């Protein structure tokens, strides 16, 4: 009898990515309109920041991503993530934020 082959770490990651890609649209809604909105939000945000992105801007943009996802998919996880990213953004926007 042949011993089952062990799944490698890269294979595990790719299998999980496939699972996520095929199931997340049920949670977050259709991919194209969601990513279109995220691109629009981020484009406006970046223009208002004079095309300079700081670490706290990443947190703000992730909040925008969660807002866009909530428009196309009903998932309370988005609100939790928004609060978390907002808190991280506040931390990163202060001098003390460098301390983590």
C-alpha atoms as a PDB file:
ATOM      1  CA  UNK A   1       0.000   0.000   0.000  1.00  0.00           C
ATOM      2  CA  UNK A   2       1.280   3.436  -0.963  1.00  0.00           C
ATOM      3  CA  UNK A   3       1.860   5.911   1.863  1.00  0.00           C
ATOM      4  CA  UNK A   4      -0.148   9.139   1.397  1.00  0.00           C
ATOM      5  CA  UNK A   5       2.034  12.030   0.362  1.00  0.00           C
ATOM      6  CA  UNK A   6       2.482  14.833   2.836  1.00  0.00           C
ATOM      7  CA  UNK A   7       1.029  18.183   1.775  1.00  0.00           C
ATOM      8  CA  UNK A   8       3.729  20.864   1.725  1.00  0.00           C
ATOM      9  CA  UNK A   9       3.340  24.318   3.243  1.00  0.00           C
ATOM     10  CA  UNK A  10       3.070  26.039  -0.177  1.00  0.00           C
ATOM     11  CA  UNK A  11       0.411  23.511  -1.210  1.00  0.00           C
ATOM     12  CA  UNK A  12      -1.548  24.151   2.012  1.00  0.00           C
ATOM     13  CA  UNK A  13      -1.438  27.886   1.360  1.00  0.00           C
ATOM     14  CA  UNK A  14      -2.590  27.485  -2.223  1.00  0.00           C
ATOM     15  CA  UNK A  15      -5.390  25.094  -1.238  1.00  0.00           C
ATOM     16  CA  UNK A  16      -6.588  27.553   1.419  1.00  0.00           C
ATOM     17  CA  UNK A  17      -6.387  30.401  -1.109  1.00  0.00           C
ATOM     18  CA  UNK A  18      -8.540  28.396  -3.522  1.00  0.00           C
ATOM     19  CA  UNK A  19     -11.049  27.748  -0.741  1.00  0.00           C
ATOM     20  CA  UNK A  20     -11.119  31.431   0.200  1.00  0.00           C
ATOM     21  CA  UNK A  21     -11.510  32.641  -3.390  1.00  0.00           C
ATOM     22  CA  UNK A  22     -14.367  30.241  -4.044  1.00  0.00           C
ATOM     23  CA  UNK A  23     -16.261  30.943  -0.802  1.00  0.00           C
ATOM     24  CA  UNK A  24     -15.638  34.586   0.156  1.00  0.00           C
ATOM     25  CA  UNK A  25     -17.962  36.042  -2.482  1.00  0.00           C
ATOM     26  CA  UNK A  26     -20.799  34.494  -0.468  1.00  0.00           C
ATOM     27  CA  UNK A  27     -19.622  36.532   2.514  1.00  0.00           C
ATOM     28  CA  UNK A  28     -18.353  39.729   0.860  1.00  0.00           C
ATOM     29  CA  UNK A  29     -20.542  39.874  -2.238  1.00  0.00           C
ATOM     30  CA  UNK A  30     -19.518  40.025  -5.875  1.00  0.00           C
ATOM     31  CA  UNK A  31     -15.806  40.651  -6.329  1.00  0.00           C
ATOM     32  CA  UNK A  32     -15.807  43.063  -9.298  1.00  0.00           C
ATOM     33  CA  UNK A  33     -18.180  45.731  -7.890  1.00  0.00           C
ATOM     34  CA  UNK A  34     -16.567  45.503  -4.464  1.00  0.00           C
ATOM     35  CA  UNK A  35     -13.045  45.968  -5.858  1.00  0.00           C
ATOM     36  CA  UNK A  36     -14.292  48.754  -8.157  1.00  0.00           C
ATOM     37  CA  UNK A  37     -15.603  50.624  -5.114  1.00  0.00           C
ATOM     38  CA  UNK A  38     -12.419  49.968  -3.124  1.00  0.00           C
ATOM     39  CA  UNK A  39     -10.344  51.347  -6.017  1.00  0.00           C
ATOM     40  CA  UNK A  40     -12.528  54.468  -6.144  1.00  0.00           C
ATOM     41  CA  UNK A  41     -12.315  54.999  -2.359  1.00  0.00           C
ATOM     42  CA  UNK A  42      -8.567  54.504  -2.298  1.00  0.00           C
ATOM     43  CA  UNK A  43      -8.061  56.737  -5.339  1.00  0.00           C
ATOM     44  CA  UNK A  44      -9.891  59.614  -3.645  1.00  0.00           C
ATOM     45  CA  UNK A  45      -8.050  59.023  -0.387  1.00  0.00           C
ATOM     46  CA  UNK A  46      -4.623  58.963  -2.067  1.00  0.00           C
ATOM     47  CA  UNK A  47      -5.346  62.155  -4.040  1.00  0.00           C
ATOM     48  CA  UNK A  48      -6.244  63.947  -0.813  1.00  0.00           C
ATOM     49  CA  UNK A  49      -3.021  62.739   0.808  1.00  0.00           C
ATOM     50  CA  UNK A  50      -0.942  64.212  -2.037  1.00  0.00           C
ATOM     51  CA  UNK A  51       0.054  60.690  -3.103  1.00  0.00           C
ATOM     52  CA  UNK A  52       2.049  60.150   0.100  1.00  0.00           C
ATOM     53  CA  UNK A  53       1.012  57.057   2.039  1.00  0.00           C
ATOM     54  CA  UNK A  54       2.014  56.690   5.692  1.00  0.00           C
ATOM     55  CA  UNK A  55       1.516  53.563   7.823  1.00  0.00           C
ATOM     56  CA  UNK A  56      -1.622  54.984   9.454  1.00  0.00           C
ATOM     57  CA  UNK A  57      -3.027  55.605   5.948  1.00  0.00           C
ATOM     58  CA  UNK A  58      -2.874  51.869   5.316  1.00  0.00           C
ATOM     59  CA  UNK A  59      -5.140  51.315   8.324  1.00  0.00           C
ATOM     60  CA  UNK A  60      -7.543  53.994   7.064  1.00  0.00           C
ATOM     61  CA  UNK A  61      -7.594  52.429   3.615  1.00  0.00           C
ATOM     62  CA  UNK A  62      -8.311  49.017   5.128  1.00  0.00           C
ATOM     63  CA  UNK A  63     -11.316  50.620   6.865  1.00  0.00           C
ATOM     64  CA  UNK A  64     -12.437  51.836   3.434  1.00  0.00           C
ATOM     65  CA  UNK A  65     -12.025  48.307   2.100  1.00  0.00           C
ATOM     66  CA  UNK A  66     -14.256  46.979   4.888  1.00  0.00           C
ATOM     67  CA  UNK A  67     -16.850  49.696   4.176  1.00  0.00           C
ATOM     68  CA  UNK A  68     -16.910  48.736   0.504  1.00  0.00           C
ATOM     69  CA  UNK A  69     -17.249  45.063   1.393  1.00  0.00           C
ATOM     70  CA  UNK A  70     -20.167  45.824   3.708  1.00  0.00           C
ATOM     71  CA  UNK A  71     -22.016  47.446   0.803  1.00  0.00           C
ATOM     72  CA  UNK A  72     -21.876  44.225  -1.236  1.00  0.00           C
ATOM     73  CA  UNK A  73     -21.976  41.630   1.524  1.00  0.00           C
ATOM     74  CA  UNK A  74     -23.670  41.451   4.914  1.00  0.00           C
ATOM     75  CA  UNK A  75     -21.081  40.323   7.437  1.00  0.00           C
ATOM     76  CA  UNK A  76     -20.693  41.724  10.959  1.00  0.00           C
ATOM     77  CA  UNK A  77     -17.002  40.804  10.764  1.00  0.00           C
ATOM     78  CA  UNK A  78     -16.569  43.940   8.626  1.00  0.00           C
ATOM     79  CA  UNK A  79     -17.582  46.170  11.551  1.00  0.00           C
ATOM     80  CA  UNK A  80     -15.212  44.402  13.923  1.00  0.00           C
ATOM     81  CA  UNK A  81     -12.369  44.740  11.423  1.00  0.00           C
ATOM     82  CA  UNK A  82     -13.207  48.429  10.843  1.00  0.00           C
ATOM     83  CA  UNK A  83     -12.927  49.116  14.577  1.00  0.00           C
ATOM     84  CA  UNK A  84      -9.662  47.204  14.787  1.00  0.00           C
ATOM     85  CA  UNK A  85      -8.098  48.945  11.797  1.00  0.00           C
ATOM     86  CA  UNK A  86      -9.261  52.309  13.123  1.00  0.00           C
ATOM     87  CA  UNK A  87      -7.625  51.640  16.488  1.00  0.00           C
ATOM     88  CA  UNK A  88      -4.402  50.557  14.785  1.00  0.00           C
ATOM     89  CA  UNK A  89      -4.521  53.702  12.626  1.00  0.00           C
ATOM     90  CA  UNK A  90      -4.842  55.878  15.736  1.00  0.00           C
ATOM     91  CA  UNK A  91      -1.884  54.102  17.308  1.00  0.00           C
ATOM     92  CA  UNK A  92       0.240  54.532  14.175  1.00  0.00           C
ATOM     93  CA  UNK A  93      -0.724  58.199  13.839  1.00  0.00           C
ATOM     94  CA  UNK A  94       0.973  59.100  17.124  1.00  0.00           C
ATOM     95  CA  UNK A  95       4.638  59.331  18.033  1.00  0.00           C
ATOM     96  CA  UNK A  96       3.960  56.710  20.708  1.00  0.00           C
ATOM     97  CA  UNK A  97       2.680  54.422  17.936  1.00  0.00           C
ATOM     98  CA  UNK A  98       6.268  53.540  17.125  1.00  0.00           C
ATOM     99  CA  UNK A  99       6.406  51.679  20.447  1.00  0.00           C
ATOM    100  CA  UNK A 100       3.606  49.210  19.531  1.00  0.00           C
END
